[in-house]
C-alpha cells in the first residue's frame, strides 16, 4: 500500500483533485454572465489553475516529462500562449 501512495501518478492525482476543488470553490456563486473586474480576477485564477492541471496531466500521464526537449518546449509554449489568450479575453470582456 505504501508503494501505491508514493507513486508519482498517485501524488499527481491527489494534487489534481485539490486544484479542481479550489477552482470549483472559486467559481461557485460567482457566475460568468456579467463580468466585472473582480470576476475577471477570479476567472484569471481559474484559467491559471486549469493551465497547471493540463500541464500536470501532460507531463505525468502523457509522459511528456521524458519527451525530447523540442517537443516539450513546443507544448510548454502552446500552453502558456493559450492561457494568455484566455486571460486576455477575460479582461477584455470585463
PDB file of N, CA and C in Angstrom:
ATOM      1  N   UNK A   1       0.829  -1.198   0.000  1.00  0.00           N
ATOM      2  CA  UNK A   1       0.000   0.000   0.000  1.00  0.00           C
ATOM      3  C   UNK A   1       0.872   1.260   0.000  1.00  0.00           C
ATOM      4  N   UNK A   2       2.005   1.212   0.726  1.00  0.00           N
ATOM      5  CA  UNK A   2       2.879   2.386   0.773  1.00  0.00           C
ATOM      6  C   UNK A   2       3.454   2.721  -0.593  1.00  0.00           C
ATOM      7  N   UNK A   3       3.728   1.668  -1.406  1.00  0.00           N
ATOM      8  CA  UNK A   3       4.273   1.928  -2.741  1.00  0.00           C
ATOM      9  C   UNK A   3       3.259   2.665  -3.604  1.00  0.00           C
ATOM     10  N   UNK A   4       1.973   2.319  -3.466  1.00  0.00           N
ATOM     11  CA  UNK A   4       0.932   2.975  -4.253  1.00  0.00           C
ATOM     12  C   UNK A   4       0.817   4.449  -3.883  1.00  0.00           C
ATOM     13  N   UNK A   5       0.901   4.758  -2.604  1.00  0.00           N
ATOM     14  CA  UNK A   5       0.770   6.136  -2.146  1.00  0.00           C
ATOM     15  C   UNK A   5       1.953   6.974  -2.588  1.00  0.00           C
ATOM     16  N   UNK A   6       3.119   6.376  -2.679  1.00  0.00           N
ATOM     17  CA  UNK A   6       4.332   7.128  -3.009  1.00  0.00           C
ATOM     18  C   UNK A   6       4.585   7.261  -4.507  1.00  0.00           C
ATOM     19  N   UNK A   7       3.785   6.624  -5.333  1.00  0.00           N
ATOM     20  CA  UNK A   7       3.986   6.724  -6.774  1.00  0.00           C
ATOM     21  C   UNK A   7       3.667   8.128  -7.267  1.00  0.00           C
ATOM     22  N   UNK A   8       4.391   8.565  -8.284  1.00  0.00           N
ATOM     23  CA  UNK A   8       4.203   9.905  -8.838  1.00  0.00           C
ATOM     24  C   UNK A   8       2.775  10.106  -9.347  1.00  0.00           C
ATOM     25  N   UNK A   9       2.189   9.090  -9.983  1.00  0.00           N
ATOM     26  CA  UNK A   9       0.837   9.210 -10.519  1.00  0.00           C
ATOM     27  C   UNK A   9      -0.185   9.417  -9.407  1.00  0.00           C
ATOM     28  N   UNK A  10      -0.015   8.740  -8.286  1.00  0.00           N
ATOM     29  CA  UNK A  10      -0.948   8.894  -7.168  1.00  0.00           C
ATOM     30  C   UNK A  10      -0.854  10.288  -6.570  1.00  0.00           C
ATOM     31  N   UNK A  11       0.343  10.785  -6.407  1.00  0.00           N
ATOM     32  CA  UNK A  11       0.533  12.134  -5.868  1.00  0.00           C
ATOM     33  C   UNK A  11      -0.029  13.162  -6.845  1.00  0.00           C
ATOM     34  N   UNK A  12       0.224  12.975  -8.137  1.00  0.00           N
ATOM     35  CA  UNK A  12      -0.306  13.896  -9.141  1.00  0.00           C
ATOM     36  C   UNK A  12      -1.830  13.887  -9.137  1.00  0.00           C
ATOM     37  N   UNK A  13      -2.425  12.706  -9.017  1.00  0.00           N
ATOM     38  CA  UNK A  13      -3.878  12.614  -8.978  1.00  0.00           C
ATOM     39  C   UNK A  13      -4.436  13.359  -7.769  1.00  0.00           C
ATOM     40  N   UNK A  14      -3.812  13.191  -6.616  1.00  0.00           N
ATOM     41  CA  UNK A  14      -4.281  13.884  -5.416  1.00  0.00           C
ATOM     42  C   UNK A  14      -4.165  15.402  -5.583  1.00  0.00           C
ATOM     43  N   UNK A  15      -3.066  15.871  -6.143  1.00  0.00           N
ATOM     44  CA  UNK A  15      -2.896  17.307  -6.369  1.00  0.00           C
ATOM     45  C   UNK A  15      -3.895  17.833  -7.399  1.00  0.00           C
ATOM     46  N   UNK A  16      -4.168  17.053  -8.442  1.00  0.00           N
ATOM     47  CA  UNK A  16      -5.173  17.455  -9.426  1.00  0.00           C
ATOM     48  C   UNK A  16      -6.551  17.571  -8.785  1.00  0.00           C
ATOM     49  N   UNK A  17      -6.857  16.657  -7.891  1.00  0.00           N
ATOM     50  CA  UNK A  17      -8.133  16.716  -7.188  1.00  0.00           C
ATOM     51  C   UNK A  17      -8.224  17.969  -6.319  1.00  0.00           C
ATOM     52  N   UNK A  18      -7.153  18.305  -5.630  1.00  0.00           N
ATOM     53  CA  UNK A  18      -7.136  19.502  -4.779  1.00  0.00           C
ATOM     54  C   UNK A  18      -7.298  20.762  -5.625  1.00  0.00           C
ATOM     55  N   UNK A  19      -6.581  20.831  -6.745  1.00  0.00           N
ATOM     56  CA  UNK A  19      -6.678  22.006  -7.617  1.00  0.00           C
ATOM     57  C   UNK A  19      -8.088  22.127  -8.194  1.00  0.00           C
ATOM     58  N   UNK A  20      -8.702  21.005  -8.533  1.00  0.00           N
ATOM     59  CA  UNK A  20     -10.078  21.027  -9.027  1.00  0.00           C
ATOM     60  C   UNK A  20     -11.028  21.575  -7.971  1.00  0.00           C
ATOM     61  N   UNK A  21     -10.861  21.144  -6.736  1.00  0.00           N
ATOM     62  CA  UNK A  21     -11.713  21.636  -5.656  1.00  0.00           C
ATOM     63  C   UNK A  21     -11.514  23.130  -5.420  1.00  0.00           C
ATOM     64  N   UNK A  22     -10.288  23.609  -5.510  1.00  0.00           N
ATOM     65  CA  UNK A  22     -10.027  25.044  -5.345  1.00  0.00           C
ATOM     66  C   UNK A  22     -10.686  25.835  -6.479  1.00  0.00           C
ATOM     67  N   UNK A  23     -10.562  25.361  -7.715  1.00  0.00           N
ATOM     68  CA  UNK A  23     -11.188  26.051  -8.850  1.00  0.00           C
ATOM     69  C   UNK A  23     -12.707  26.049  -8.698  1.00  0.00           C
ATOM     70  N   UNK A  24     -13.274  24.936  -8.241  1.00  0.00           N
ATOM     71  CA  UNK A  24     -14.722  24.872  -8.013  1.00  0.00           C
ATOM     72  C   UNK A  24     -15.135  25.861  -6.935  1.00  0.00           C
ATOM     73  N   UNK A  25     -14.366  25.932  -5.869  1.00  0.00           N
ATOM     74  CA  UNK A  25     -14.671  26.855  -4.773  1.00  0.00           C
ATOM     75  C   UNK A  25     -14.605  28.309  -5.258  1.00  0.00           C
ATOM     76  N   UNK A  26     -13.649  28.617  -6.118  1.00  0.00           N
ATOM     77  CA  UNK A  26     -13.522  29.974  -6.638  1.00  0.00           C
ATOM     78  C   UNK A  26     -14.715  30.374  -7.498  1.00  0.00           C
ATOM     79  N   UNK A  27     -15.272  29.420  -8.235  1.00  0.00           N
ATOM     80  CA  UNK A  27     -16.312  29.767  -9.190  1.00  0.00           C
ATOM     81  C   UNK A  27     -17.727  29.642  -8.641  1.00  0.00           C
ATOM     82  N   UNK A  28     -17.931  28.939  -7.567  1.00  0.00           N
ATOM     83  CA  UNK A  28     -19.293  28.757  -7.043  1.00  0.00           C
ATOM     84  C   UNK A  28     -19.830  30.105  -6.580  1.00  0.00           C
ATOM     85  N   UNK A  29     -20.976  30.474  -7.122  1.00  0.00           N
ATOM     86  CA  UNK A  29     -21.614  31.721  -6.728  1.00  0.00           C
ATOM     87  C   UNK A  29     -21.093  32.950  -7.431  1.00  0.00           C
ATOM     88  N   UNK A  30     -20.072  32.800  -8.276  1.00  0.00           N
ATOM     89  CA  UNK A  30     -19.510  33.976  -8.947  1.00  0.00           C
ATOM     90  C   UNK A  30     -20.012  34.104 -10.377  1.00  0.00           C
ATOM     91  N   UNK A  31     -20.467  33.032 -10.995  1.00  0.00           N
ATOM     92  CA  UNK A  31     -21.059  33.057 -12.338  1.00  0.00           C
ATOM     93  C   UNK A  31     -20.260  33.826 -13.362  1.00  0.00           C
ATOM     94  N   UNK A  32     -20.501  33.580 -14.626  1.00  0.00           N
ATOM     95  CA  UNK A  32     -19.762  34.265 -15.675  1.00  0.00           C
ATOM     96  C   UNK A  32     -20.648  35.086 -16.582  1.00  0.00           C
ATOM     97  N   UNK A  33     -21.889  35.383 -16.157  1.00  0.00           N
ATOM     98  CA  UNK A  33     -22.797  36.087 -17.059  1.00  0.00           C
ATOM     99  C   UNK A  33     -22.427  37.547 -17.218  1.00  0.00           C
ATOM    100  N   UNK A  34     -22.132  38.231 -16.139  1.00  0.00           N
ATOM    101  CA  UNK A  34     -21.752  39.639 -16.200  1.00  0.00           C
ATOM    102  C   UNK A  34     -20.388  39.767 -15.526  1.00  0.00           C
ATOM    103  N   UNK A  35     -19.370  39.965 -16.331  1.00  0.00           N
ATOM    104  CA  UNK A  35     -18.024  40.045 -15.776  1.00  0.00           C
ATOM    105  C   UNK A  35     -17.738  41.445 -15.263  1.00  0.00           C
ATOM    106  N   UNK A  36     -17.191  41.518 -14.097  1.00  0.00           N
ATOM    107  CA  UNK A  36     -16.666  42.771 -13.572  1.00  0.00           C
ATOM    108  C   UNK A  36     -15.176  42.552 -13.346  1.00  0.00           C
ATOM    109  N   UNK A  37     -14.502  43.567 -12.836  1.00  0.00           N
ATOM    110  CA  UNK A  37     -13.063  43.415 -12.619  1.00  0.00           C
ATOM    111  C   UNK A  37     -12.773  42.319 -11.599  1.00  0.00           C
ATOM    112  N   UNK A  38     -13.602  42.214 -10.566  1.00  0.00           N
ATOM    113  CA  UNK A  38     -13.408  41.160  -9.568  1.00  0.00           C
ATOM    114  C   UNK A  38     -13.621  39.781 -10.157  1.00  0.00           C
ATOM    115  N   UNK A  39     -14.628  39.653 -11.007  1.00  0.00           N
ATOM    116  CA  UNK A  39     -14.873  38.361 -11.637  1.00  0.00           C
ATOM    117  C   UNK A  39     -13.793  38.025 -12.657  1.00  0.00           C
ATOM    118  N   UNK A  40     -13.255  39.021 -13.329  1.00  0.00           N
ATOM    119  CA  UNK A  40     -12.155  38.765 -14.262  1.00  0.00           C
ATOM    120  C   UNK A  40     -10.943  38.226 -13.505  1.00  0.00           C
ATOM    121  N   UNK A  41     -10.721  38.735 -12.301  1.00  0.00           N
ATOM    122  CA  UNK A  41      -9.626  38.222 -11.478  1.00  0.00           C
ATOM    123  C   UNK A  41      -9.886  36.774 -11.076  1.00  0.00           C
ATOM    124  N   UNK A  42     -11.117  36.468 -10.726  1.00  0.00           N
ATOM    125  CA  UNK A  42     -11.464  35.091 -10.373  1.00  0.00           C
ATOM    126  C   UNK A  42     -11.252  34.170 -11.567  1.00  0.00           C
ATOM    127  N   UNK A  43     -11.705  34.583 -12.758  1.00  0.00           N
ATOM    128  CA  UNK A  43     -11.540  33.745 -13.934  1.00  0.00           C
ATOM    129  C   UNK A  43     -10.075  33.627 -14.334  1.00  0.00           C
ATOM    130  N   UNK A  44      -9.291  34.663 -14.070  1.00  0.00           N
ATOM    131  CA  UNK A  44      -7.856  34.558 -14.307  1.00  0.00           C
ATOM    132  C   UNK A  44      -7.248  33.477 -13.431  1.00  0.00           C
ATOM    133  N   UNK A  45      -7.647  33.448 -12.176  1.00  0.00           N
ATOM    134  CA  UNK A  45      -7.154  32.412 -11.269  1.00  0.00           C
ATOM    135  C   UNK A  45      -7.582  31.027 -11.720  1.00  0.00           C
ATOM    136  N   UNK A  46      -8.817  30.900 -12.167  1.00  0.00           N
ATOM    137  CA  UNK A  46      -9.320  29.603 -12.629  1.00  0.00           C
ATOM    138  C   UNK A  46      -8.564  29.157 -13.884  1.00  0.00           C
ATOM    139  N   UNK A  47      -8.288  30.072 -14.792  1.00  0.00           N
ATOM    140  CA  UNK A  47      -7.550  29.728 -16.009  1.00  0.00           C
ATOM    141  C   UNK A  47      -6.134  29.288 -15.670  1.00  0.00           C
ATOM    142  N   UNK A  48      -5.496  29.963 -14.741  1.00  0.00           N
ATOM    143  CA  UNK A  48      -4.152  29.565 -14.314  1.00  0.00           C
ATOM    144  C   UNK A  48      -4.193  28.170 -13.675  1.00  0.00           C
ATOM    145  N   UNK A  49      -5.196  27.914 -12.852  1.00  0.00           N
ATOM    146  CA  UNK A  49      -5.328  26.581 -12.247  1.00  0.00           C
ATOM    147  C   UNK A  49      -5.565  25.517 -13.323  1.00  0.00           C
ATOM    148  N   UNK A  50      -6.364  25.848 -14.330  1.00  0.00           N
ATOM    149  CA  UNK A  50      -6.594  24.907 -15.436  1.00  0.00           C
ATOM    150  C   UNK A  50      -5.298  24.641 -16.196  1.00  0.00           C
ATOM    151  N   UNK A  51      -4.489  25.681 -16.404  1.00  0.00           N
ATOM    152  CA  UNK A  51      -3.198  25.506 -17.068  1.00  0.00           C
ATOM    153  C   UNK A  51      -2.307  24.574 -16.262  1.00  0.00           C
ATOM    154  N   UNK A  52      -2.296  24.750 -14.943  1.00  0.00           N
ATOM    155  CA  UNK A  52      -1.490  23.886 -14.071  1.00  0.00           C
ATOM    156  C   UNK A  52      -1.967  22.437 -14.186  1.00  0.00           C
ATOM    157  N   UNK A  53      -3.274  22.248 -14.209  1.00  0.00           N
ATOM    158  CA  UNK A  53      -3.816  20.893 -14.320  1.00  0.00           C
ATOM    159  C   UNK A  53      -3.458  20.250 -15.659  1.00  0.00           C
ATOM    160  N   UNK A  54      -3.607  20.997 -16.746  1.00  0.00           N
ATOM    161  CA  UNK A  54      -3.271  20.452 -18.067  1.00  0.00           C
ATOM    162  C   UNK A  54      -1.790  20.099 -18.121  1.00  0.00           C
ATOM    163  N   UNK A  55      -0.961  20.951 -17.550  1.00  0.00           N
ATOM    164  CA  UNK A  55       0.480  20.704 -17.542  1.00  0.00           C
ATOM    165  C   UNK A  55       0.812  19.427 -16.770  1.00  0.00           C
ATOM    166  N   UNK A  56       0.208  19.264 -15.592  1.00  0.00           N
ATOM    167  CA  UNK A  56       0.440  18.046 -14.801  1.00  0.00           C
ATOM    168  C   UNK A  56      -0.004  16.800 -15.553  1.00  0.00           C
ATOM    169  N   UNK A  57      -1.172  16.854 -16.174  1.00  0.00           N
ATOM    170  CA  UNK A  57      -1.675  15.680 -16.893  1.00  0.00           C
ATOM    171  C   UNK A  57      -0.737  15.325 -18.042  1.00  0.00           C
ATOM    172  N   UNK A  58      -0.347  16.312 -18.827  1.00  0.00           N
ATOM    173  CA  UNK A  58       0.512  16.020 -19.971  1.00  0.00           C
ATOM    174  C   UNK A  58       1.913  15.586 -19.547  1.00  0.00           C
ATOM    175  N   UNK A  59       2.454  16.177 -18.507  1.00  0.00           N
ATOM    176  CA  UNK A  59       3.796  15.794 -18.085  1.00  0.00           C
ATOM    177  C   UNK A  59       3.818  14.427 -17.406  1.00  0.00           C
ATOM    178  N   UNK A  60       2.839  14.157 -16.543  1.00  0.00           N
ATOM    179  CA  UNK A  60       2.891  12.933 -15.755  1.00  0.00           C
ATOM    180  C   UNK A  60       2.154  11.757 -16.379  1.00  0.00           C
ATOM    181  N   UNK A  61       1.021  12.001 -17.026  1.00  0.00           N
ATOM    182  CA  UNK A  61       0.235  10.891 -17.550  1.00  0.00           C
ATOM    183  C   UNK A  61       0.432  10.669 -19.043  1.00  0.00           C
ATOM    184  N   UNK A  62       0.823  11.697 -19.774  1.00  0.00           N
ATOM    185  CA  UNK A  62       1.104  11.545 -21.201  1.00  0.00           C
ATOM    186  C   UNK A  62       2.615  11.438 -21.455  1.00  0.00           C
ATOM    187  N   UNK A  63       3.386  11.397 -20.402  1.00  0.00           N
ATOM    188  CA  UNK A  63       4.832  11.167 -20.416  1.00  0.00           C
ATOM    189  C   UNK A  63       5.625  12.190 -21.224  1.00  0.00           C
ATOM    190  N   UNK A  64       5.185  13.437 -21.182  1.00  0.00           N
ATOM    191  CA  UNK A  64       5.971  14.489 -21.833  1.00  0.00           C
ATOM    192  C   UNK A  64       7.184  14.892 -21.003  1.00  0.00           C
ATOM    193  N   UNK A  65       7.222  14.462 -19.760  1.00  0.00           N
ATOM    194  CA  UNK A  65       8.358  14.777 -18.906  1.00  0.00           C
ATOM    195  C   UNK A  65       9.655  14.190 -19.483  1.00  0.00           C
ATOM    196  N   UNK A  66       9.544  13.036 -20.130  1.00  0.00           N
ATOM    197  CA  UNK A  66      10.725  12.390 -20.702  1.00  0.00           C
ATOM    198  C   UNK A  66      10.801  12.556 -22.223  1.00  0.00           C
ATOM    199  N   UNK A  67       9.988  13.434 -22.788  1.00  0.00           N
ATOM    200  CA  UNK A  67       9.984  13.662 -24.238  1.00  0.00           C
ATOM    201  C   UNK A  67      11.207  14.484 -24.643  1.00  0.00           C
ATOM    202  N   UNK A  68      11.543  14.471 -25.913  1.00  0.00           N
ATOM    203  CA  UNK A  68      12.644  15.316 -26.397  1.00  0.00           C
ATOM    204  C   UNK A  68      12.371  16.787 -26.073  1.00  0.00           C
ATOM    205  N   UNK A  69      13.421  17.539 -25.861  1.00  0.00           N
ATOM    206  CA  UNK A  69      13.306  18.916 -25.393  1.00  0.00           C
ATOM    207  C   UNK A  69      12.515  19.782 -26.378  1.00  0.00           C
ATOM    208  N   UNK A  70      12.624  19.529 -27.659  1.00  0.00           N
ATOM    209  CA  UNK A  70      11.889  20.319 -28.651  1.00  0.00           C
ATOM    210  C   UNK A  70      10.382  20.139 -28.520  1.00  0.00           C
ATOM    211  N   UNK A  71       9.958  18.899 -28.343  1.00  0.00           N
ATOM    212  CA  UNK A  71       8.537  18.620 -28.179  1.00  0.00           C
ATOM    213  C   UNK A  71       8.009  19.216 -26.878  1.00  0.00           C
ATOM    214  N   UNK A  72       8.787  19.082 -25.828  1.00  0.00           N
ATOM    215  CA  UNK A  72       8.362  19.635 -24.542  1.00  0.00           C
ATOM    216  C   UNK A  72       8.299  21.162 -24.610  1.00  0.00           C
ATOM    217  N   UNK A  73       9.263  21.800 -25.255  1.00  0.00           N
ATOM    218  CA  UNK A  73       9.253  23.265 -25.394  1.00  0.00           C
ATOM    219  C   UNK A  73       8.051  23.716 -26.226  1.00  0.00           C
ATOM    220  N   UNK A  74       7.722  22.957 -27.266  1.00  0.00           N
ATOM    221  CA  UNK A  74       6.550  23.272 -28.077  1.00  0.00           C
ATOM    222  C   UNK A  74       5.282  23.199 -27.240  1.00  0.00           C
ATOM    223  N   UNK A  75       5.153  22.155 -26.437  1.00  0.00           N
ATOM    224  CA  UNK A  75       3.979  22.029 -25.578  1.00  0.00           C
ATOM    225  C   UNK A  75       3.916  23.163 -24.562  1.00  0.00           C
ATOM    226  N   UNK A  76       5.029  23.446 -23.896  1.00  0.00           N
ATOM    227  CA  UNK A  76       5.048  24.487 -22.868  1.00  0.00           C
ATOM    228  C   UNK A  76       4.661  25.841 -23.456  1.00  0.00           C
ATOM    229  N   UNK A  77       5.199  26.165 -24.623  1.00  0.00           N
ATOM    230  CA  UNK A  77       4.874  27.458 -25.236  1.00  0.00           C
ATOM    231  C   UNK A  77       3.412  27.504 -25.684  1.00  0.00           C
ATOM    232  N   UNK A  78       2.878  26.383 -26.186  1.00  0.00           N
ATOM    233  CA  UNK A  78       1.463  26.328 -26.561  1.00  0.00           C
ATOM    234  C   UNK A  78       0.574  26.545 -25.342  1.00  0.00           C
ATOM    235  N   UNK A  79       0.898  25.903 -24.238  1.00  0.00           N
ATOM    236  CA  UNK A  79       0.101  26.042 -23.022  1.00  0.00           C
ATOM    237  C   UNK A  79       0.105  27.464 -22.482  1.00  0.00           C
ATOM    238  N   UNK A  80       1.263  28.082 -22.460  1.00  0.00           N
ATOM    239  CA  UNK A  80       1.364  29.457 -21.978  1.00  0.00           C
ATOM    240  C   UNK A  80       0.611  30.407 -22.902  1.00  0.00           C
ATOM    241  N   UNK A  81       0.731  30.190 -24.215  1.00  0.00           N
ATOM    242  CA  UNK A  81       0.033  31.056 -25.174  1.00  0.00           C
ATOM    243  C   UNK A  81      -1.486  30.933 -25.028  1.00  0.00           C
ATOM    244  N   UNK A  82      -1.986  29.725 -24.890  1.00  0.00           N
ATOM    245  CA  UNK A  82      -3.433  29.524 -24.736  1.00  0.00           C
ATOM    246  C   UNK A  82      -3.945  30.143 -23.435  1.00  0.00           C
ATOM    247  N   UNK A  83      -3.203  29.970 -22.364  1.00  0.00           N
ATOM    248  CA  UNK A  83      -3.610  30.575 -21.090  1.00  0.00           C
ATOM    249  C   UNK A  83      -3.603  32.097 -21.205  1.00  0.00           C
ATOM    250  N   UNK A  84      -2.595  32.655 -21.859  1.00  0.00           N
ATOM    251  CA  UNK A  84      -2.518  34.114 -22.020  1.00  0.00           C
ATOM    252  C   UNK A  84      -3.679  34.647 -22.852  1.00  0.00           C
ATOM    253  N   UNK A  85      -4.037  33.949 -23.917  1.00  0.00           N
ATOM    254  CA  UNK A  85      -5.165  34.380 -24.752  1.00  0.00           C
ATOM    255  C   UNK A  85      -6.464  34.344 -23.955  1.00  0.00           C
ATOM    256  N   UNK A  86      -6.694  33.274 -23.216  1.00  0.00           N
ATOM    257  CA  UNK A  86      -7.918  33.169 -22.419  1.00  0.00           C
ATOM    258  C   UNK A  86      -7.982  34.241 -21.334  1.00  0.00           C
ATOM    259  N   UNK A  87      -6.855  34.515 -20.705  1.00  0.00           N
ATOM    260  CA  UNK A  87      -6.827  35.567 -19.671  1.00  0.00           C
ATOM    261  C   UNK A  87      -7.080  36.935 -20.303  1.00  0.00           C
ATOM    262  N   UNK A  88      -6.493  37.160 -21.471  1.00  0.00           N
ATOM    263  CA  UNK A  88      -6.721  38.436 -22.162  1.00  0.00           C
ATOM    264  C   UNK A  88      -8.191  38.613 -22.508  1.00  0.00           C
ATOM    265  N   UNK A  89      -8.838  37.555 -22.973  1.00  0.00           N
ATOM    266  CA  UNK A  89     -10.265  37.621 -23.284  1.00  0.00           C
ATOM    267  C   UNK A  89     -11.087  37.922 -22.020  1.00  0.00           C
ATOM    268  N   UNK A  90     -10.738  37.280 -20.915  1.00  0.00           N
ATOM    269  CA  UNK A  90     -11.474  37.514 -19.666  1.00  0.00           C
ATOM    270  C   UNK A  90     -11.380  38.980 -19.255  1.00  0.00           C
ATOM    271  N   UNK A  91     -10.222  39.596 -19.414  1.00  0.00           N
ATOM    272  CA  UNK A  91     -10.053  41.005 -19.025  1.00  0.00           C
ATOM    273  C   UNK A  91     -10.648  41.965 -20.048  1.00  0.00           C
ATOM    274  N   UNK A  92     -10.673  41.566 -21.328  1.00  0.00           N
ATOM    275  CA  UNK A  92     -11.278  42.433 -22.344  1.00  0.00           C
ATOM    276  C   UNK A  92     -12.790  42.501 -22.162  1.00  0.00           C
ATOM    277  N   UNK A  93     -13.389  41.416 -21.745  1.00  0.00           N
ATOM    278  CA  UNK A  93     -14.837  41.401 -21.543  1.00  0.00           C
ATOM    279  C   UNK A  93     -15.220  42.189 -20.292  1.00  0.00           C
ATOM    280  N   UNK A  94     -14.332  42.236 -19.310  1.00  0.00           N
ATOM    281  CA  UNK A  94     -14.647  42.912 -18.047  1.00  0.00           C
ATOM    282  C   UNK A  94     -14.765  44.374 -18.185  1.00  0.00           C
TER     283      UNK A  94
END
